[in-house]
Amino acid sequence: MKLIVKYTSILIILSLICFPSKADNFVNEDPIYHVVLIWLKSYRNEMRINKIINASKELKNIPGVLEVSTGKVLRSARVIVDDTFDVSIIIKFASKEYLKDYLVHPIHVKIANEVIKPLANKITIYDTIIQE
């Protein structure tokens, strides 16, 4: 029995080393950034901003998501800067294929429908390819 467990463990380790993950297939692609700007129904409400920021941390558990950054608006006196939104979420994907999968993933759908949309007055999204 111990011999079977030993050989099974070796096979599992070798398969992890020898077979690349799905993300490795996109290693030569430029990453995609999904920028979400949210205007709250309650302007600058810290409790609601923090609720969105905390819920957004779960998005890291979706396959293909490389990074999730969240933040509050930086006020600016510069006319060219739009500082009217309340909270931002910036998600980096390994590829545009992962962005497509993310949009229908249950974690994303739940956060969007149960946390963000009920608190938001307006949501604007920008998707961009970053050439690194």
Protein backbone atom coordinates (compact mmCIF):
# COMPACT_ATOMS: atom_id res chain seq x y z
CA MET A 1 0.00 0.00 0.00
CA LYS A 2 2.84 2.39 0.88
CA LEU A 3 4.44 1.65 -2.47
CA ILE A 4 1.23 2.59 -4.32
CA VAL A 5 0.99 5.88 -2.43
CA LYS A 6 4.64 6.62 -3.14
CA TYR A 7 4.31 5.98 -6.90
CA THR A 8 1.02 7.88 -7.08
CA SER A 9 2.67 10.87 -5.42
CA ILE A 10 5.56 10.74 -7.87
CA LEU A 11 3.15 10.59 -10.84
CA ILE A 12 1.20 13.58 -9.56
CA ILE A 13 4.36 15.62 -9.07
CA LEU A 14 5.66 14.70 -12.53
CA SER A 15 2.34 15.61 -14.15
CA LEU A 16 2.41 19.03 -12.49
CA ILE A 17 5.95 19.63 -13.71
CA CYS A 18 5.56 18.24 -17.22
CA PHE A 19 2.14 19.55 -18.20
CA PRO A 20 1.81 23.33 -18.29
CA SER A 21 -1.20 25.04 -16.79
CA LYS A 22 -3.75 26.74 -19.03
CA ALA A 23 -2.27 30.15 -18.09
CA ASP A 24 1.13 29.03 -19.43
CA ASN A 25 -0.44 28.70 -22.90
CA PHE A 26 -0.86 32.49 -22.97
CA VAL A 27 2.59 33.39 -21.66
CA ASN A 28 3.49 35.21 -24.90
CA GLU A 29 0.23 37.15 -25.11
CA ASP A 30 -0.06 40.72 -23.90
CA PRO A 31 -2.11 40.92 -20.71
CA ILE A 32 -5.58 42.40 -20.59
CA TYR A 33 -6.56 45.00 -18.00
CA HIS A 34 -10.22 45.28 -17.02
CA VAL A 35 -10.75 48.71 -15.41
CA VAL A 36 -14.02 49.17 -13.52
CA LEU A 37 -15.04 52.61 -12.23
CA ILE A 38 -18.00 52.78 -9.89
CA TRP A 39 -20.14 55.74 -8.86
CA LEU A 40 -22.11 54.92 -5.71
CA LYS A 41 -25.73 55.76 -5.03
CA SER A 42 -24.45 57.23 -1.74
CA TYR A 43 -21.66 59.60 -2.80
CA ARG A 44 -18.29 58.82 -1.16
CA ASN A 45 -19.82 56.42 1.36
CA GLU A 46 -16.78 54.78 3.04
CA MET A 47 -18.72 51.78 4.31
CA ARG A 48 -20.00 50.94 0.82
CA ILE A 49 -16.61 51.61 -0.79
CA ASN A 50 -15.01 49.18 1.66
CA LYS A 51 -17.73 46.59 1.02
CA ILE A 52 -16.92 46.63 -2.70
CA ILE A 53 -13.15 46.58 -2.09
CA ASN A 54 -13.41 43.62 0.31
CA ALA A 55 -15.74 41.64 -1.97
CA SER A 56 -13.44 42.25 -4.94
CA LYS A 57 -10.61 40.35 -3.24
CA GLU A 58 -12.49 37.14 -4.10
CA LEU A 59 -11.97 37.83 -7.81
CA LYS A 60 -8.37 36.60 -7.39
CA ASN A 61 -9.79 33.07 -7.14
CA ILE A 62 -11.01 33.09 -10.74
CA PRO A 63 -8.75 31.23 -13.22
CA GLY A 64 -6.72 33.55 -15.43
CA VAL A 65 -6.89 36.49 -13.03
CA LEU A 66 -3.28 37.52 -12.39
CA GLU A 67 -3.88 40.57 -10.20
CA VAL A 68 -6.76 42.47 -8.61
CA SER A 69 -6.20 46.04 -7.45
CA THR A 70 -8.87 48.15 -5.81
CA GLY A 71 -8.93 51.71 -4.66
CA LYS A 72 -10.69 54.95 -3.89
CA VAL A 73 -10.69 58.01 -6.13
CA LEU A 74 -7.79 60.43 -5.86
CA ARG A 75 -9.26 63.91 -5.79
CA SER A 76 -7.70 66.32 -8.29
CA ALA A 77 -7.94 70.03 -9.09
CA ARG A 78 -6.87 69.32 -12.68
CA VAL A 79 -9.75 69.87 -15.12
CA ILE A 80 -8.69 66.96 -17.33
CA VAL A 81 -8.95 64.45 -14.45
CA ASP A 82 -12.31 62.77 -13.88
CA ASP A 83 -12.47 62.34 -10.12
CA THR A 84 -16.23 61.91 -9.88
CA PHE A 85 -16.24 58.13 -9.34
CA ASP A 86 -16.01 56.57 -5.87
CA VAL A 87 -14.20 53.25 -6.21
CA SER A 88 -12.11 51.42 -8.82
CA ILE A 89 -11.31 47.79 -9.51
CA ILE A 90 -8.48 46.92 -11.89
CA ILE A 91 -8.06 43.29 -12.91
CA LYS A 92 -5.14 41.91 -14.91
CA PHE A 93 -5.82 38.81 -17.05
CA ALA A 94 -3.38 36.45 -18.73
CA SER A 95 -5.32 36.76 -21.99
CA LYS A 96 -8.56 37.94 -23.56
CA GLU A 97 -9.80 34.33 -23.37
CA TYR A 98 -9.60 34.49 -19.60
CA LEU A 99 -11.53 37.78 -19.61
CA LYS A 100 -14.34 36.04 -21.52
CA ASP A 101 -14.39 33.18 -18.99
CA TYR A 102 -14.31 35.65 -16.08
CA LEU A 103 -17.42 37.49 -17.27
CA VAL A 104 -19.59 34.38 -16.72
CA HIS A 105 -17.70 32.91 -13.75
CA PRO A 106 -19.98 32.39 -10.71
CA ILE A 107 -17.71 34.39 -8.36
CA HIS A 108 -17.79 37.42 -10.68
CA VAL A 109 -21.50 37.14 -11.36
CA LYS A 110 -22.28 36.92 -7.62
CA ILE A 111 -20.12 39.93 -6.67
CA ALA A 112 -21.45 42.00 -9.57
CA ASN A 113 -25.12 41.20 -8.90
CA GLU A 114 -25.16 41.00 -5.09
CA VAL A 115 -22.59 43.63 -4.06
CA ILE A 116 -21.66 46.10 -6.79
CA LYS A 117 -24.88 46.66 -8.75
CA PRO A 118 -27.10 47.25 -5.68
CA LEU A 119 -24.68 49.95 -4.43
CA ALA A 120 -23.85 51.55 -7.77
CA ASN A 121 -25.48 54.47 -9.49
CA LYS A 122 -23.20 54.10 -12.51
CA ILE A 123 -20.51 51.65 -13.65
CA THR A 124 -18.06 52.29 -16.47
CA ILE A 125 -15.68 49.61 -17.72
CA TYR A 126 -12.59 49.87 -19.91
CA ASP A 127 -10.79 46.82 -21.30
CA THR A 128 -7.31 47.41 -22.67
CA ILE A 129 -4.41 45.34 -23.98
CA ILE A 130 -1.17 46.34 -22.28
CA GLN A 131 1.93 45.80 -24.35
CA GLU A 132 4.63 44.86 -21.87
